[in-house]
Protein backbone atom coordinates (compact mmCIF):
# COMPACT_ATOMS: atom_id res chain seq x y z
CA UNK A 1 34.08 -39.38 48.96
CA UNK A 2 32.03 -37.43 46.40
CA UNK A 3 30.06 -35.69 49.17
CA UNK A 4 33.28 -34.63 50.86
CA UNK A 5 34.63 -33.26 47.60
CA UNK A 6 31.43 -31.27 47.11
CA UNK A 7 31.64 -29.97 50.69
CA UNK A 8 35.27 -28.95 50.20
CA UNK A 9 34.44 -27.17 46.93
CA UNK A 10 31.65 -25.15 48.58
CA UNK A 11 33.89 -24.12 51.48
CA UNK A 12 36.75 -23.21 49.12
CA UNK A 13 34.43 -21.05 46.99
CA UNK A 14 33.15 -19.27 50.12
CA UNK A 15 36.71 -18.29 51.13
CA UNK A 16 36.90 -14.51 51.57
CA UNK A 17 39.18 -12.77 49.08
CA UNK A 18 41.10 -11.13 51.92
CA UNK A 19 42.22 -14.48 53.35
CA UNK A 20 45.59 -15.51 51.99
CA UNK A 21 47.29 -18.87 52.13
CA UNK A 22 45.73 -22.22 52.84
CA UNK A 23 42.13 -21.87 54.04
CA UNK A 24 41.62 -25.45 55.24
CA UNK A 25 44.69 -27.01 56.81
CA UNK A 26 43.24 -30.22 58.24
CA UNK A 27 39.98 -32.13 58.39
CA UNK A 28 38.80 -34.86 60.76
CA UNK A 29 35.52 -36.71 60.38
CA UNK A 30 33.90 -38.48 63.31
CA UNK A 31 30.59 -39.68 64.67
CA UNK A 32 29.28 -38.50 68.04
CA UNK A 33 31.23 -41.03 70.10
CA UNK A 34 33.38 -42.61 67.41
CA UNK A 35 37.02 -42.49 66.50
CA UNK A 36 38.08 -39.54 64.35
CA UNK A 37 39.41 -40.21 60.86
CA UNK A 38 41.86 -37.68 59.44
CA UNK A 39 41.28 -36.69 55.83
CA UNK A 40 44.14 -35.52 53.62
CA UNK A 41 42.76 -32.20 52.36
CA UNK A 42 45.43 -32.04 49.67
CA UNK A 43 43.92 -35.13 48.04
CA UNK A 44 40.56 -33.39 47.63
């Protein structure tokens, strides 16, 4: 969970100033052939 929070923080800081609104709306994590797990980005 800590790695995902760090990843989210880096992406959020890299958001261009001209982009308005929500930058990341959804996030799904999966392995190559595994089932995807949806992550609630609002909880990060």
